[in-house]
Structures are given as C-alpha cells and as structure tokens.
Amino acid sequence: MQKIDWDTLGFKYMDADCHVRYTWKEGAWNSGELYESSVMNMHIAAGCLHYGQAAFEGLKAFRCKDGKVRVFRPQENIKRMAMTARRTCMPQVPEALFMDAIKRVVNANADYIPPYGTGGSLYIRPLLIGSGIQIGVAPAPEYTFLILVMPVGPYYKGGLKPVKALIYDEYDRAAPNGVGAIKVAGNYAASLYAHEEAKKAGYDVELYLDAKEHKYVEEFATSNFVAITKDGAYVTPDSHSILPSITNLTLMKLAEDMGMTVDVRPVPFEEIEQFAEIGACGTAVVVTPVCEITRGEQVIKIGENDGCGPVLQKLYEKVQAIQYGELPDLYNWCWEVPNQRVD
C-alpha cells in the first residue's frame, strides 16, 4: 500500500489494492474474482466501445465515529443501475451480487478507508459494460460488472464554496424522450464539450434547461438542481430527462424532517432569480451552493453571503453527520460492511 497523507487527500483517482469483477454470459453471472491489476483486456469489437453499452454508479463507504465502516444507501444505487440496465438492454446485477461485491472490495481495500475525523471516505464506483463481441447494432452477448474503489478527501476543504454556473442555449444534455433519466456513460460524453467551454469562460459548471423548449430548469451537468424559496420551501425540478439523484432523495427527506415543504415540479427559468438559495447536489459533494447563474447577457446573483445560504449548509451538515455515524440513522440508510478489517 502506498503512503497516504489523509489531510491533503483530494478527489481524484488513486490505485487501491484491487477491484472485484464478474462476468455474465449465457444468461448467468459467475462468482466473481478480485484482480490486483487496474488494467483489463477487452476485445476491439466489444459492444461498449461501439454502441455505448456502459453504465456506472457512485457511492461511498465511511469509517464512522464508532470505528465501523458503513456504505451510504447502496440499495438505491442497485435500483438505479437496474433501471439503466433495462433501458440499455444489459443484464441486471442482482442485489445479492451487488452487495457481495461491495463487501468483498471494501474488505480487500480496508487500508484505503480514510480514518474518522479526516473528512474522507472510500469512493465506490460500480461499472457495467457490454464486453462481448458485437458488430452490428444489437446488445452484446457478454457483460462485465466490476467495482473499483479509491480513497477521497472532502470535496471542499474548510467548508462549502459557492460556484458560478452558465446556461448554454445551444447545447442540451439529453433528448426529451432519451436516456437522461438513467446513468449511462454517454450522457456524460454529451456534456463534455459544453463543460470544457464553460471552464474556459470562467464558470465551474453548466446548467441545462429542458431540451424541447428551453423554458424550464432541468439539472447541472453532473448534479441535480435544488433551491430554497424565500419562505423556506425545498424545490427541485420534475422532468423525465433528469437523473434521479440519491443525494437529492436524501436531502428531500431531511428537509421534510426539518418541517420544510418539499415541492417537486417544473421550475421556469424566470423563477431562478426569486430563490433564496440554489445548490447542485450529488454523491461527490453532497451539495454545492451556487452564487451566480449566467444566461447570455443576463447575470443572476443568488442569495446573500456569496450564495452560501444557511438552509443548504444545515442540510449538508445533517447528511455528513448521518454518514459518519454522528447522528442517528433513523431510516437505515447506512449499511454496515460485515467482516471489515479494523486498524
């Protein structure tokens, strides 16, 4: 194992000791195996390379206050990957296999789980791809499911940092009846060009409007859109093109527990300037405050204190406290990894 400085650990790829990998062919999954090499052989005619049969998920394992290791809401990732598999004609990964894969890969890489108190976690990346030979548009005859892990630090060190967002009317993330609501790899390829252009222009992230009319807010490039109204309601867009965020589901439930009204509905672009707080939520960051949104010549400033409002801050802290075992897990969101090694 390489020496890791937990205090300076960022959010980027790092090799761990191994990953776990399973193969599906002739209608069944094999029993899987741990692989030390981070490189895998693949046929040049693999279906994922030619026809985009590739789906992934993202979740985290936390070393908690009591020393135990827990994974946050893995059952929701299983359900979402199953939705993606159905839509892209790939075999679904059974829940028992998925959970066993998490257990095996987390246990095998336990030394890479950041200690409690560092703000770090073990990022878990499940990947499902068409690895069988397929030339001609059709589902592949063979599939690979693997999970890789890597230690990551807190996305924002020293507290939440508001970001600026840009709306491009000339680019869309997903078609109205396309695959925007599933976590297929191609969705991210579709956003790369706009994302790089936004960075060059000095913006951290791009915000997409609906592809049909460009009248309604949908989501950020890699995160759901959430907002807090001036009277304290939690608002998030309703659209068939939005990826159902597990973090957003979590925030909505916690907002309800705080006595807030949760409103899932179409959000007109014109309403943006009326919100007290706006955030982008996802696994990596939990929630990122947005302080400014630009569309053409229009620049909309969000809230006070440079966009880092008190409600999103409180929701962020609650999620983190549950993940690290500092608050009661009232909804059994945290799955304790059995038989993990303890330092």
Foldseek 3Di string as FASTA:
>chain_A
DDDDDLQPFAPDDDQFQWKWKWKDAPHDIDLIDTDRDPDDDFDPQFCCVPPQFKFKDKWWWALFPVRFIWTFQVVVVLVQVQVSCVVSVHDRDDPVSVLVRVLVQCQVRVVQADHPPSQKTKMKMWMKGRRAGDDDPDGHRMMMIMIGIGIHHANDPPDFDAWAEEEDPVAAQAAQPGCLQHRGPVSLVSCVVVCVVCVVVPGNWYWYAHNPPSFWTAQISAFFKWFAAPVGAIEGEDGPNHHDAPLVVLLQVVSVVVVHHYYYYTHTPVCQLRTQWMWTAHNRHSIHTHQWYDYVPDIRGHHPPSRDDDSSRVSSVVVVCVSNVNDDPPPPRIGTNPPHDGD
